[in-house]
Amino acid sequence: MKADSPAPAASPFRRRLDLDALNALSRGTAMEPLDIVFTEIGPDFLRATMPVDARTRQPYGLLHGGASALLAETVGSTAGMLALDEDRACVGLEINANHLRAVRNGTVTATARPFHIGRQTQVWDIRIEDEAGRLVCISRLTLAVIPRPPGG
């Protein structure tokens, strides 16, 4: 590595779950009927997809902003969980979403990357793109880090 090259970023993820295990966590939750699927775990990101269809459209035929927020919180909070030790959990404190482009059909992809991983809070950047790679929604999710509840 050259002396002026930045050091490789350390992965924020402490837990090692594969995609099958992550997708199994969605069974019986809000993610299952919306067909949200985790598709990739990278060194510093988590990615998931969601179809744009009758389940996720609003009455004008566009991707519902609430569905985008649900996708963003799903991928962000799951990434947050992967960044914690087994005795800790995370819960949402705040989410915002800016809807930038309308989508009528196809699939959207959300990618979560950390802004901040702390002992008591985490902040995640989630970007949702359409099939052409165009930015549809940007979201910021703040999570509280708590002791893992019994049986959780």
Protein backbone atom coordinates (compact mmCIF):
# COMPACT_ATOMS: atom_id res chain seq x y z
CA MET A 1 0.00 0.00 0.00
CA LYS A 2 1.29 3.47 -0.85
CA ALA A 3 2.14 5.75 2.07
CA ASP A 4 -0.52 8.28 1.07
CA SER A 5 -3.28 5.71 0.56
CA PRO A 6 -6.04 5.68 3.16
CA ALA A 7 -6.09 2.69 5.47
CA PRO A 8 -8.80 0.16 4.68
CA ALA A 9 -11.92 0.78 6.75
CA ALA A 10 -12.59 -1.73 9.48
CA SER A 11 -15.91 -3.51 9.21
CA PRO A 12 -18.53 -2.28 11.66
CA PHE A 13 -20.05 -5.77 11.80
CA ARG A 14 -19.33 -7.92 14.85
CA ARG A 15 -21.90 -10.64 14.23
CA ARG A 16 -21.48 -13.02 11.34
CA LEU A 17 -24.84 -14.04 9.94
CA ASP A 18 -25.34 -15.17 6.37
CA LEU A 19 -28.14 -13.97 4.10
CA ASP A 20 -30.28 -17.06 4.76
CA ALA A 21 -30.16 -16.39 8.51
CA LEU A 22 -31.01 -12.70 8.03
CA ASN A 23 -33.92 -13.51 5.72
CA ALA A 24 -35.21 -16.12 8.19
CA LEU A 25 -35.54 -13.33 10.79
CA SER A 26 -38.17 -11.69 8.53
CA ARG A 27 -40.62 -14.57 8.80
CA GLY A 28 -43.79 -13.54 10.59
CA THR A 29 -42.89 -9.82 10.52
CA ALA A 30 -43.88 -6.76 8.46
CA MET A 31 -41.04 -7.56 6.07
CA GLU A 32 -42.47 -10.90 4.93
CA PRO A 33 -45.69 -9.70 3.22
CA LEU A 34 -43.75 -6.87 1.53
CA ASP A 35 -41.18 -9.39 0.23
CA ILE A 36 -38.18 -7.50 1.61
CA VAL A 37 -35.13 -9.68 0.96
CA PHE A 38 -31.57 -9.18 2.19
CA THR A 39 -29.32 -9.62 -0.83
CA GLU A 40 -25.77 -8.64 0.15
CA ILE A 41 -23.56 -8.15 3.18
CA GLY A 42 -20.49 -6.10 2.31
CA PRO A 43 -17.52 -5.08 4.42
CA ASP A 44 -19.32 -1.89 5.55
CA PHE A 45 -22.86 -2.19 4.18
CA LEU A 46 -26.03 -4.25 4.16
CA ARG A 47 -28.33 -4.37 1.14
CA ALA A 48 -31.97 -5.45 0.69
CA THR A 49 -34.59 -5.29 -2.05
CA MET A 50 -38.34 -4.71 -2.13
CA PRO A 51 -40.76 -4.98 -5.06
CA VAL A 52 -42.82 -2.02 -6.18
CA ASP A 53 -46.24 -3.56 -6.67
CA ALA A 54 -49.77 -3.47 -5.21
CA ARG A 55 -48.38 -4.15 -1.71
CA THR A 56 -46.05 -1.14 -1.73
CA ARG A 57 -47.82 1.45 -3.93
CA GLN A 58 -49.97 4.35 -2.77
CA PRO A 59 -53.30 5.19 -4.50
CA TYR A 60 -51.61 7.22 -7.28
CA GLY A 61 -49.64 4.16 -8.37
CA LEU A 62 -46.30 5.30 -6.94
CA LEU A 63 -44.03 3.67 -4.39
CA HIS A 64 -45.50 4.58 -1.00
CA GLY A 65 -43.23 6.73 1.16
CA GLY A 66 -44.15 4.61 4.17
CA ALA A 67 -42.98 1.48 2.35
CA SER A 68 -39.68 3.22 1.59
CA ALA A 69 -39.34 4.17 5.27
CA LEU A 70 -40.12 0.59 6.32
CA LEU A 71 -37.47 -0.72 3.93
CA ALA A 72 -34.95 1.86 5.19
CA GLU A 73 -35.61 1.05 8.85
CA THR A 74 -35.45 -2.67 8.14
CA VAL A 75 -32.05 -2.60 6.46
CA GLY A 76 -30.65 0.04 8.84
CA SER A 77 -31.76 -1.62 12.07
CA THR A 78 -30.63 -5.04 10.86
CA ALA A 79 -27.21 -3.60 9.99
CA GLY A 80 -27.19 -2.01 13.43
CA MET A 81 -27.85 -5.38 15.05
CA LEU A 82 -24.95 -6.89 13.10
CA ALA A 83 -22.69 -4.16 14.54
CA LEU A 84 -23.42 -5.21 18.13
CA ASP A 85 -22.18 -7.91 20.47
CA GLU A 86 -24.67 -10.72 21.24
CA ASP A 87 -25.67 -9.18 24.60
CA ARG A 88 -26.86 -5.91 23.01
CA ALA A 89 -29.81 -4.93 20.83
CA CYS A 90 -30.84 -1.77 19.01
CA VAL A 91 -34.17 -0.01 18.62
CA GLY A 92 -35.18 2.90 16.44
CA LEU A 93 -35.13 6.41 17.91
CA GLU A 94 -35.68 8.48 14.77
CA ILE A 95 -35.94 7.99 11.03
CA ASN A 96 -36.27 10.54 8.27
CA ALA A 97 -36.75 9.95 4.59
CA ASN A 98 -36.49 12.29 1.64
CA HIS A 99 -38.36 10.95 -1.39
CA LEU A 100 -36.48 12.09 -4.49
CA ARG A 101 -37.86 10.11 -7.43
CA ALA A 102 -41.15 8.37 -8.15
CA VAL A 103 -41.15 4.65 -8.90
CA ARG A 104 -44.18 2.86 -10.36
CA ASN A 105 -42.94 -0.72 -10.71
CA GLY A 106 -39.92 -2.98 -10.56
CA THR A 107 -37.67 -3.43 -7.56
CA VAL A 108 -35.96 -0.94 -5.29
CA THR A 109 -32.69 -1.64 -3.49
CA ALA A 110 -31.71 -0.17 -0.12
CA THR A 111 -28.11 0.05 1.07
CA ALA A 112 -27.28 0.92 4.68
CA ARG A 113 -23.87 2.27 5.71
CA PRO A 114 -22.90 3.62 9.14
CA PHE A 115 -22.32 7.28 9.92
CA HIS A 116 -21.68 6.52 13.60
CA ILE A 117 -21.38 3.34 15.68
CA GLY A 118 -21.28 4.24 19.36
CA ARG A 119 -21.83 2.50 22.67
CA GLN A 120 -25.27 4.08 23.18
CA THR A 121 -26.37 5.18 19.70
CA GLN A 122 -25.83 4.38 16.05
CA VAL A 123 -26.63 6.53 13.01
CA TRP A 124 -27.10 4.89 9.60
CA ASP A 125 -27.30 6.30 6.07
CA ILE A 126 -29.74 4.38 3.87
CA ARG A 127 -29.99 5.03 0.14
CA ILE A 128 -32.78 3.49 -1.90
CA GLU A 129 -32.29 3.18 -5.67
CA ASP A 130 -34.44 1.99 -8.56
CA GLU A 131 -33.43 -0.73 -11.02
CA ALA A 132 -31.51 1.84 -13.12
CA GLY A 133 -29.43 2.84 -10.09
CA ARG A 134 -31.18 6.21 -9.73
CA LEU A 135 -31.59 7.56 -6.21
CA VAL A 136 -35.21 7.23 -5.09
CA CYS A 137 -34.97 8.00 -1.37
CA ILE A 138 -32.32 8.95 1.17
CA SER A 139 -32.88 8.18 4.81
CA ARG A 140 -31.09 8.60 8.10
CA LEU A 141 -31.85 6.20 10.95
CA THR A 142 -30.81 6.77 14.57
CA LEU A 143 -30.80 3.70 16.81
CA ALA A 144 -30.51 3.36 20.58
CA VAL A 145 -28.26 0.57 21.81
CA ILE A 146 -29.83 -1.32 24.72
CA PRO A 147 -29.18 -4.52 26.68
CA ARG A 148 -30.64 -7.47 24.79
CA PRO A 149 -34.08 -8.26 26.23
CA PRO A 150 -34.57 -11.75 27.71
CA GLY A 151 -35.59 -14.13 24.94
CA GLY A 152 -34.73 -11.50 22.30
